Protein backbone atom coordinates (compact mmCIF):
# COMPACT_ATOMS: atom_id res chain seq x y z
CA MET A 1 98.13 131.39 79.27
CA LYS A 2 96.00 128.29 79.65
CA LYS A 3 92.48 128.58 80.98
CA GLU A 4 91.77 126.01 83.71
CA LYS A 5 88.41 124.27 83.71
CA LYS A 6 86.87 123.03 86.93
CA HIS A 7 84.93 119.79 86.57
CA ASN A 8 83.31 118.91 89.85
CA VAL A 9 80.74 116.43 88.60
CA VAL A 10 80.52 113.48 90.97
CA ILE A 11 77.68 110.98 90.69
CA LYS A 12 77.57 108.57 93.63
CA ASN A 13 75.85 105.26 94.26
CA LYS A 14 74.61 105.93 97.80
CA LYS A 15 72.82 102.61 98.07
CA ALA A 16 76.01 100.65 97.42
CA SER A 17 77.74 101.53 100.70
CA ARG A 18 74.65 100.45 102.63
CA ASP A 19 74.21 97.12 100.83
CA TYR A 20 77.87 96.10 100.33
CA SER A 21 81.13 96.11 102.21
CA TYR A 22 84.03 97.13 99.97
CA ILE A 23 87.11 94.94 99.77
CA ASP A 24 89.10 96.76 97.09
CA THR A 25 88.49 99.80 94.85
CA TYR A 26 89.75 100.64 91.35
CA ILE A 27 89.55 103.65 89.04
CA ALA A 28 88.50 102.73 85.49
CA GLY A 29 87.86 104.64 82.30
CA ILE A 30 84.47 104.36 80.60
CA GLN A 31 83.99 103.99 76.86
CA LEU A 32 81.34 106.61 76.00
CA THR A 33 79.80 108.25 72.94
CA GLY A 34 79.62 112.03 72.40
CA THR A 35 76.16 112.62 73.81
CA GLU A 36 76.84 110.38 76.83
CA ILE A 37 79.79 112.45 78.03
CA LYS A 38 77.75 115.63 77.59
CA SER A 39 74.95 114.18 79.75
CA ILE A 40 77.43 113.13 82.46
CA ARG A 41 78.95 116.63 82.49
CA ALA A 42 75.40 117.94 83.01
CA GLY A 43 75.02 115.51 85.94
CA LYS A 44 72.28 113.44 84.28
CA ALA A 45 73.35 109.91 85.25
CA SER A 46 72.23 107.34 87.81
CA LEU A 47 74.16 104.41 89.25
CA VAL A 48 71.26 102.76 91.09
CA ASP A 49 71.12 99.01 90.33
CA SER A 50 74.33 99.12 88.28
CA TYR A 51 76.85 96.30 88.45
CA CYS A 52 79.82 95.05 86.44
CA ARG A 53 80.26 91.73 84.70
CA PHE A 54 82.82 90.05 82.48
CA ARG A 55 82.17 89.13 78.86
CA ASN A 56 84.94 87.73 76.64
CA GLY A 57 87.60 88.80 79.15
CA GLU A 58 86.42 92.43 79.19
CA LEU A 59 84.54 94.25 81.95
CA TYR A 60 81.18 95.88 81.19
CA VAL A 61 78.87 97.94 83.38
CA THR A 62 75.18 97.00 83.21
CA GLY A 63 72.23 98.98 84.55
CA MET A 64 73.89 102.40 84.53
CA ASN A 65 71.43 105.03 83.32
CA ILE A 66 72.76 108.07 81.43
CA ALA A 67 69.84 110.26 80.38
CA GLU A 68 69.56 111.26 76.73
CA TYR A 69 71.25 114.56 75.96
CA TYR A 70 68.64 117.32 75.75
CA TRP A 71 70.07 118.92 72.60
CA GLY A 72 70.93 115.58 71.00
CA ASN A 73 69.44 114.73 67.64
CA ILE A 74 68.73 111.38 65.97
CA ASN A 75 72.26 110.27 66.93
CA ASN A 76 71.42 110.35 70.64
CA HIS A 77 72.51 107.35 72.71
CA GLU A 78 70.48 104.58 74.33
CA PRO A 79 70.19 105.43 78.08
CA ARG A 80 70.70 101.93 79.59
CA ARG A 81 73.14 100.30 77.19
CA GLU A 82 76.14 98.27 78.41
CA ARG A 83 79.34 100.31 78.56
CA LYS A 84 82.86 98.93 78.47
CA LEU A 85 85.16 99.73 81.40
CA LEU A 86 88.82 100.33 80.62
CA LEU A 87 91.36 98.74 82.98
CA HIS A 88 94.82 97.22 82.61
CA LYS A 89 94.88 93.52 81.66
CA LYS A 90 96.59 92.64 84.93
CA GLU A 91 93.78 94.28 86.93
CA LEU A 92 91.12 92.60 84.79
CA ARG A 93 92.64 89.16 85.32
CA LYS A 94 92.92 89.75 89.07
CA LEU A 95 89.27 90.85 89.31
CA GLU A 96 88.02 87.95 87.18
CA ARG A 97 89.92 85.46 89.32
CA LYS A 98 88.49 86.88 92.56
CA ILE A 99 84.94 86.88 91.19
CA LYS A 100 85.14 83.21 90.17
CA GLU A 101 86.63 81.91 93.41
CA SER A 102 84.27 83.45 95.97
CA GLY A 103 80.91 85.16 96.42
CA LEU A 104 82.12 88.63 95.50
CA THR A 105 80.71 91.11 93.00
CA ILE A 106 81.90 94.27 91.26
CA ILE A 107 79.77 97.39 91.71
CA MET A 108 80.10 101.00 90.59
CA THR A 109 80.44 103.37 93.51
CA LYS A 110 81.00 106.67 91.73
CA VAL A 111 81.37 108.35 88.32
CA PHE A 112 83.35 111.57 88.09
CA ILE A 113 85.13 113.90 85.65
CA ASN A 114 88.89 114.07 86.27
CA ASP A 115 91.17 117.12 85.88
CA ARG A 116 91.67 116.44 82.16
CA GLY A 117 87.90 116.38 81.52
CA ILE A 118 87.68 112.59 81.11
CA ALA A 119 84.89 110.52 82.68
CA LYS A 120 86.16 107.93 85.16
CA ALA A 121 84.38 105.32 87.24
CA GLU A 122 85.28 104.10 90.69
CA ILE A 123 84.43 100.42 90.96
CA ALA A 124 84.64 98.25 94.03
CA LEU A 125 85.13 94.56 94.62
CA ALA A 126 82.44 94.00 97.24
CA ARG A 127 80.66 91.44 99.37
CA GLY A 128 76.94 91.82 100.06
CA LYS A 129 75.91 92.70 103.60
CA LYS A 130 73.32 90.74 105.52
CA GLU A 131 70.43 92.63 107.09
CA TYR A 132 71.94 92.47 110.58
CA ASP A 133 75.22 93.91 109.20
CA GLN A 134 73.28 96.87 107.79
CA ARG A 135 71.62 97.48 111.16
CA GLU A 136 75.00 97.33 112.89
CA THR A 137 76.41 99.93 110.50
CA LEU A 138 73.47 102.26 111.16
CA LYS A 139 73.90 101.90 114.94
CA ARG A 140 77.59 102.76 114.65
CA LYS A 141 76.84 105.87 112.57
CA ASP A 142 74.17 107.04 115.04
CA ALA A 143 76.54 106.55 118.00
CA GLN A 144 79.27 108.52 116.19
CA ARG A 145 76.82 111.36 115.47
CA GLU A 146 75.81 111.49 119.16
CA ILE A 147 79.45 111.67 120.25
CA GLU A 148 80.17 114.50 117.79
CA ARG A 149 77.04 116.38 118.91
CA LYS A 150 78.09 116.17 122.57
CA LEU A 151 81.62 117.35 121.76
CA LYS A 152 80.27 120.48 120.04
CA LEU A 153 78.29 121.48 123.13
């Protein structure tokens, strides 16, 4: 009988949905070292100011902070190093083409542990919002909250 493990670690980039409008999302693997995956399972990662960029036809995430593992020794990882994202070549080519042709960027929206215990990243092809777009989004959310509050009464 197999023992099932529940991994409900989800690290979100809350600032990203406020500053960007998502066009398309992808699920990518992350190339990590031993102490990095242990820190992510402990929930010790931050996606603030992280973005993705291409180098030699491969996609890397920059600015992602994974805290050093508490019980790590001299082989502990560097917290802000660049990490390679693992996608199919077809997806990589499509993303690279879209980035070059227009003012789009690739941002990390979430890091999570899947059912098999592997760390995955949700990345989004996004366009930056202007300040008035951000205000409009906030107004819409407030109006929706008011409607829901009135329906409950």
